[in-house]
PDB file of N, CA and C in Angstrom:
ATOM      1  N   UNK A   1       6.488   9.861  18.443  1.00  0.00           N
ATOM      2  CA  UNK A   1       7.148  10.943  18.434  1.00  0.00           C
ATOM      3  C   UNK A   1       6.627  12.410  18.830  1.00  0.00           C
ATOM      4  N   UNK A   2       7.421  13.113  19.605  1.00  0.00           N
ATOM      5  CA  UNK A   2       7.035  14.309  20.306  1.00  0.00           C
ATOM      6  C   UNK A   2       7.442  15.332  19.474  1.00  0.00           C
ATOM      7  N   UNK A   3       6.751  16.420  19.593  1.00  0.00           N
ATOM      8  CA  UNK A   3       7.134  17.638  18.945  1.00  0.00           C
ATOM      9  C   UNK A   3       8.908  17.827  18.984  1.00  0.00           C
ATOM     10  N   UNK A   4       9.156  18.068  19.828  1.00  0.00           N
ATOM     11  CA  UNK A   4      10.930  18.235  19.939  1.00  0.00           C
ATOM     12  C   UNK A   4      11.540  17.325  19.112  1.00  0.00           C
ATOM     13  N   UNK A   5      11.375  15.874  18.975  1.00  0.00           N
ATOM     14  CA  UNK A   5      11.879  15.249  18.074  1.00  0.00           C
ATOM     15  C   UNK A   5      11.568  15.402  16.521  1.00  0.00           C
ATOM     16  N   UNK A   6      10.195  15.965  16.353  1.00  0.00           N
ATOM     17  CA  UNK A   6      10.051  16.526  14.730  1.00  0.00           C
ATOM     18  C   UNK A   6      10.878  17.478  14.450  1.00  0.00           C
ATOM     19  N   UNK A   7      10.952  18.586  15.435  1.00  0.00           N
ATOM     20  CA  UNK A   7      11.888  19.492  15.032  1.00  0.00           C
ATOM     21  C   UNK A   7      13.138  19.438  15.074  1.00  0.00           C
ATOM     22  N   UNK A   8      13.681  18.520  15.767  1.00  0.00           N
ATOM     23  CA  UNK A   8      15.379  18.059  15.558  1.00  0.00           C
ATOM     24  C   UNK A   8      15.275  17.460  14.370  1.00  0.00           C
ATOM     25  N   UNK A   9      14.504  16.578  13.771  1.00  0.00           N
ATOM     26  CA  UNK A   9      14.482  15.867  12.505  1.00  0.00           C
ATOM     27  C   UNK A   9      14.599  16.763  11.326  1.00  0.00           C
ATOM     28  N   UNK A  10      13.619  18.109  11.448  1.00  0.00           N
ATOM     29  CA  UNK A  10      13.433  18.890  10.414  1.00  0.00           C
ATOM     30  C   UNK A  10      14.603  19.958  10.235  1.00  0.00           C
ATOM     31  N   UNK A  11      15.230  20.318  11.399  1.00  0.00           N
ATOM     32  CA  UNK A  11      16.605  21.048  11.692  1.00  0.00           C
ATOM     33  C   UNK A  11      17.740  20.083  10.915  1.00  0.00           C
ATOM     34  N   UNK A  12      17.890  18.830  11.192  1.00  0.00           N
ATOM     35  CA  UNK A  12      18.744  18.248  10.949  1.00  0.00           C
ATOM     36  C   UNK A  12      18.805  17.968   9.237  1.00  0.00           C
ATOM     37  N   UNK A  13      17.599  17.898   8.600  1.00  0.00           N
ATOM     38  CA  UNK A  13      17.382  17.751   6.956  1.00  0.00           C
ATOM     39  C   UNK A  13      17.433  18.681   6.473  1.00  0.00           C
ATOM     40  N   UNK A  14      16.881  20.093   7.128  1.00  0.00           N
ATOM     41  CA  UNK A  14      16.920  21.501   6.136  1.00  0.00           C
ATOM     42  C   UNK A  14      17.798  22.501   6.894  1.00  0.00           C
ATOM     43  N   UNK A  15      18.314  22.087   8.224  1.00  0.00           N
ATOM     44  CA  UNK A  15      18.755  23.167   8.637  1.00  0.00           C
ATOM     45  C   UNK A  15      17.859  24.089   9.468  1.00  0.00           C
ATOM     46  N   UNK A  16      18.752  24.579  10.740  1.00  0.00           N
ATOM     47  CA  UNK A  16      17.947  25.090  11.595  1.00  0.00           C
ATOM     48  C   UNK A  16      16.929  26.354  11.275  1.00  0.00           C
ATOM     49  N   UNK A  17      17.971  27.009  10.437  1.00  0.00           N
ATOM     50  CA  UNK A  17      17.390  28.246   9.981  1.00  0.00           C
ATOM     51  C   UNK A  17      16.040  28.153   8.775  1.00  0.00           C
ATOM     52  N   UNK A  18      16.265  27.071   8.193  1.00  0.00           N
ATOM     53  CA  UNK A  18      15.408  26.967   7.025  1.00  0.00           C
ATOM     54  C   UNK A  18      14.301  26.228   7.252  1.00  0.00           C
ATOM     55  N   UNK A  19      14.364  25.229   8.388  1.00  0.00           N
ATOM     56  CA  UNK A  19      13.406  24.359   8.682  1.00  0.00           C
ATOM     57  C   UNK A  19      11.852  24.956   8.977  1.00  0.00           C
ATOM     58  N   UNK A  20      11.971  26.032   9.720  1.00  0.00           N
ATOM     59  CA  UNK A  20      10.637  26.604  10.458  1.00  0.00           C
ATOM     60  C   UNK A  20       9.997  27.144   9.155  1.00  0.00           C
ATOM     61  N   UNK A  21      10.844  27.951   8.438  1.00  0.00           N
ATOM     62  CA  UNK A  21      10.178  28.676   7.093  1.00  0.00           C
ATOM     63  C   UNK A  21       9.617  27.557   6.163  1.00  0.00           C
ATOM     64  N   UNK A  22      10.396  26.506   6.067  1.00  0.00           N
ATOM     65  CA  UNK A  22       9.661  25.691   5.002  1.00  0.00           C
ATOM     66  C   UNK A  22       8.482  24.917   5.544  1.00  0.00           C
ATOM     67  N   UNK A  23       8.388  24.677   6.942  1.00  0.00           N
ATOM     68  CA  UNK A  23       7.261  24.270   7.532  1.00  0.00           C
ATOM     69  C   UNK A  23       5.910  24.883   7.474  1.00  0.00           C
ATOM     70  N   UNK A  24       6.051  26.283   7.576  1.00  0.00           N
ATOM     71  CA  UNK A  24       5.211  27.252   7.604  1.00  0.00           C
ATOM     72  C   UNK A  24       4.658  27.603   6.069  1.00  0.00           C
ATOM     73  N   UNK A  25       5.413  27.154   5.119  1.00  0.00           N
ATOM     74  CA  UNK A  25       5.383  27.745   3.920  1.00  0.00           C
ATOM     75  C   UNK A  25       5.026  26.833   2.804  1.00  0.00           C
ATOM     76  N   UNK A  26       5.294  25.355   3.218  1.00  0.00           N
ATOM     77  CA  UNK A  26       5.065  24.609   1.997  1.00  0.00           C
ATOM     78  C   UNK A  26       4.198  23.807   2.462  1.00  0.00           C
ATOM     79  N   UNK A  27       2.901  23.960   1.558  1.00  0.00           N
ATOM     80  CA  UNK A  27       1.731  23.200   1.549  1.00  0.00           C
ATOM     81  C   UNK A  27       1.967  21.628   0.863  1.00  0.00           C
ATOM     82  N   UNK A  28       1.342  20.612   1.583  1.00  0.00           N
ATOM     83  CA  UNK A  28       1.244  19.221   1.431  1.00  0.00           C
ATOM     84  C   UNK A  28      -0.373  18.855   0.965  1.00  0.00           C
ATOM     85  N   UNK A  29      -0.193  18.104  -0.025  1.00  0.00           N
ATOM     86  CA  UNK A  29      -1.638  17.470  -0.097  1.00  0.00           C
ATOM     87  C   UNK A  29      -1.790  16.111   0.799  1.00  0.00           C
ATOM     88  N   UNK A  30      -0.731  15.645   1.205  1.00  0.00           N
ATOM     89  CA  UNK A  30      -1.017  14.485   2.552  1.00  0.00           C
ATOM     90  C   UNK A  30      -1.718  15.060   3.610  1.00  0.00           C
ATOM     91  N   UNK A  31      -1.410  16.363   3.652  1.00  0.00           N
ATOM     92  CA  UNK A  31      -2.194  16.771   4.992  1.00  0.00           C
ATOM     93  C   UNK A  31      -3.271  17.758   4.565  1.00  0.00           C
ATOM     94  N   UNK A  32      -3.823  17.332   3.768  1.00  0.00           N
ATOM     95  CA  UNK A  32      -5.183  18.052   3.414  1.00  0.00           C
ATOM     96  C   UNK A  32      -4.605  19.444   2.897  1.00  0.00           C
ATOM     97  N   UNK A  33      -3.977  19.869   2.245  1.00  0.00           N
ATOM     98  CA  UNK A  33      -3.518  21.183   2.008  1.00  0.00           C
ATOM     99  C   UNK A  33      -3.188  21.965   2.827  1.00  0.00           C
ATOM    100  N   UNK A  34      -2.478  21.453   3.703  1.00  0.00           N
ATOM    101  CA  UNK A  34      -2.008  22.410   4.853  1.00  0.00           C
ATOM    102  C   UNK A  34      -0.521  22.286   5.022  1.00  0.00           C
ATOM    103  N   UNK A  35      -0.059  23.289   5.598  1.00  0.00           N
ATOM    104  CA  UNK A  35       1.806  23.185   5.658  1.00  0.00           C
ATOM    105  C   UNK A  35       1.762  22.411   6.952  1.00  0.00           C
ATOM    106  N   UNK A  36       3.055  21.980   7.271  1.00  0.00           N
ATOM    107  CA  UNK A  36       3.362  21.105   8.480  1.00  0.00           C
ATOM    108  C   UNK A  36       2.984  21.732   9.723  1.00  0.00           C
ATOM    109  N   UNK A  37       3.747  23.050   9.591  1.00  0.00           N
ATOM    110  CA  UNK A  37       2.917  23.900  10.832  1.00  0.00           C
ATOM    111  C   UNK A  37       1.441  23.985  11.069  1.00  0.00           C
ATOM    112  N   UNK A  38       0.768  24.288   9.973  1.00  0.00           N
ATOM    113  CA  UNK A  38      -0.737  24.538  10.553  1.00  0.00           C
ATOM    114  C   UNK A  38      -1.325  22.974  10.778  1.00  0.00           C
ATOM    115  N   UNK A  39      -0.582  21.947  10.211  1.00  0.00           N
ATOM    116  CA  UNK A  39      -1.058  20.480  10.749  1.00  0.00           C
ATOM    117  C   UNK A  39      -0.650  20.436  12.013  1.00  0.00           C
ATOM    118  N   UNK A  40       0.283  20.457  12.490  1.00  0.00           N
ATOM    119  CA  UNK A  40       0.766  20.466  13.931  1.00  0.00           C
ATOM    120  C   UNK A  40      -0.106  21.505  14.947  1.00  0.00           C
ATOM    121  N   UNK A  41      -0.294  22.692  14.300  1.00  0.00           N
ATOM    122  CA  UNK A  41      -1.276  23.438  15.256  1.00  0.00           C
ATOM    123  C   UNK A  41      -2.430  22.944  15.226  1.00  0.00           C
ATOM    124  N   UNK A  42      -2.880  21.988  14.263  1.00  0.00           N
ATOM    125  CA  UNK A  42      -4.383  21.709  14.272  1.00  0.00           C
ATOM    126  C   UNK A  42      -4.525  20.462  14.946  1.00  0.00           C
ATOM    127  N   UNK A  43      -3.364  19.859  15.697  1.00  0.00           N
ATOM    128  CA  UNK A  43      -3.597  18.607  16.552  1.00  0.00           C
ATOM    129  C   UNK A  43      -3.289  17.323  15.517  1.00  0.00           C
ATOM    130  N   UNK A  44      -2.823  17.515  14.256  1.00  0.00           N
ATOM    131  CA  UNK A  44      -1.957  16.209  13.676  1.00  0.00           C
ATOM    132  C   UNK A  44      -0.851  15.587  14.350  1.00  0.00           C
ATOM    133  N   UNK A  45      -1.071  14.403  14.630  1.00  0.00           N
ATOM    134  CA  UNK A  45       0.257  13.934  15.357  1.00  0.00           C
ATOM    135  C   UNK A  45       1.462  14.295  14.662  1.00  0.00           C
ATOM    136  N   UNK A  46       2.345  14.620  15.270  1.00  0.00           N
ATOM    137  CA  UNK A  46       4.053  14.853  15.013  1.00  0.00           C
ATOM    138  C   UNK A  46       4.512  13.691  13.705  1.00  0.00           C
ATOM    139  N   UNK A  47       4.074  12.180  13.920  1.00  0.00           N
ATOM    140  CA  UNK A  47       4.608  11.177  13.616  1.00  0.00           C
ATOM    141  C   UNK A  47       3.862  11.361  12.191  1.00  0.00           C
ATOM    142  N   UNK A  48       2.443  11.733  11.896  1.00  0.00           N
ATOM    143  CA  UNK A  48       2.007  11.804  10.744  1.00  0.00           C
ATOM    144  C   UNK A  48       2.385  12.790   9.910  1.00  0.00           C
ATOM    145  N   UNK A  49       2.692  14.049  10.703  1.00  0.00           N
ATOM    146  CA  UNK A  49       3.176  14.943   9.987  1.00  0.00           C
ATOM    147  C   UNK A  49       4.584  14.751   9.389  1.00  0.00           C
ATOM    148  N   UNK A  50       5.357  14.174  10.121  1.00  0.00           N
ATOM    149  CA  UNK A  50       6.698  13.724   9.689  1.00  0.00           C
ATOM    150  C   UNK A  50       6.815  12.822   8.409  1.00  0.00           C
ATOM    151  N   UNK A  51       5.929  11.744   8.415  1.00  0.00           N
ATOM    152  CA  UNK A  51       5.845  10.866   7.156  1.00  0.00           C
ATOM    153  C   UNK A  51       5.461  11.712   5.984  1.00  0.00           C
ATOM    154  N   UNK A  52       4.761  12.770   6.132  1.00  0.00           N
ATOM    155  CA  UNK A  52       4.154  13.625   4.984  1.00  0.00           C
ATOM    156  C   UNK A  52       5.354  14.600   4.644  1.00  0.00           C
ATOM    157  N   UNK A  53       6.224  14.964   5.494  1.00  0.00           N
ATOM    158  CA  UNK A  53       7.477  15.711   5.100  1.00  0.00           C
ATOM    159  C   UNK A  53       8.501  14.654   4.510  1.00  0.00           C
ATOM    160  N   UNK A  54       8.650  13.493   4.746  1.00  0.00           N
ATOM    161  CA  UNK A  54       9.453  12.392   4.204  1.00  0.00           C
ATOM    162  C   UNK A  54       9.110  12.322   2.783  1.00  0.00           C
ATOM    163  N   UNK A  55       7.865  12.296   2.717  1.00  0.00           N
ATOM    164  CA  UNK A  55       7.323  12.094   1.160  1.00  0.00           C
ATOM    165  C   UNK A  55       7.738  13.157   0.391  1.00  0.00           C
ATOM    166  N   UNK A  56       7.164  14.402   1.011  1.00  0.00           N
ATOM    167  CA  UNK A  56       7.348  15.748   0.254  1.00  0.00           C
ATOM    168  C   UNK A  56       9.020  16.036  -0.352  1.00  0.00           C
ATOM    169  N   UNK A  57      10.021  15.601   0.720  1.00  0.00           N
ATOM    170  CA  UNK A  57      11.432  15.666   0.590  1.00  0.00           C
ATOM    171  C   UNK A  57      12.157  14.757   0.220  1.00  0.00           C
ATOM    172  N   UNK A  58      11.136  13.505  -0.129  1.00  0.00           N
ATOM    173  CA  UNK A  58      11.692  12.330  -0.953  1.00  0.00           C
ATOM    174  C   UNK A  58      13.157  11.581   0.219  1.00  0.00           C
ATOM    175  N   UNK A  59      12.621  11.586   1.355  1.00  0.00           N
ATOM    176  CA  UNK A  59      13.883  10.964   2.170  1.00  0.00           C
ATOM    177  C   UNK A  59      13.898   9.332   2.172  1.00  0.00           C
ATOM    178  N   UNK A  60      14.864   9.169   2.395  1.00  0.00           N
ATOM    179  CA  UNK A  60      14.932   7.506   2.373  1.00  0.00           C
ATOM    180  C   UNK A  60      14.193   7.001   3.398  1.00  0.00           C
ATOM    181  N   UNK A  61      13.724   5.957   3.341  1.00  0.00           N
ATOM    182  CA  UNK A  61      12.940   4.813   4.294  1.00  0.00           C
ATOM    183  C   UNK A  61      13.792   4.881   5.426  1.00  0.00           C
ATOM    184  N   UNK A  62      14.956   4.868   5.646  1.00  0.00           N
ATOM    185  CA  UNK A  62      15.689   4.775   6.727  1.00  0.00           C
ATOM    186  C   UNK A  62      15.527   6.092   7.826  1.00  0.00           C
ATOM    187  N   UNK A  63      15.240   7.177   7.246  1.00  0.00           N
ATOM    188  CA  UNK A  63      14.548   8.528   7.896  1.00  0.00           C
ATOM    189  C   UNK A  63      13.202   8.432   8.396  1.00  0.00           C
ATOM    190  N   UNK A  64      12.351   7.624   8.213  1.00  0.00           N
ATOM    191  CA  UNK A  64      10.897   7.660   8.611  1.00  0.00           C
ATOM    192  C   UNK A  64      10.649   7.349  10.008  1.00  0.00           C
TER     193      UNK A  64
END
């Protein structure tokens, strides 16, 4: 997964206006206490971050 696909999915599920806010503020234990944005900035692969987002948002398996 590329960063662009990650952000497209985030926009789809949270809305374009809220996705970046959520990604920069919601801390996830699955990302070692980081936000999605911090994890991406730290080099965590977007697919791994997306899985953590899916768990946090309780998205169905079909969205993973």
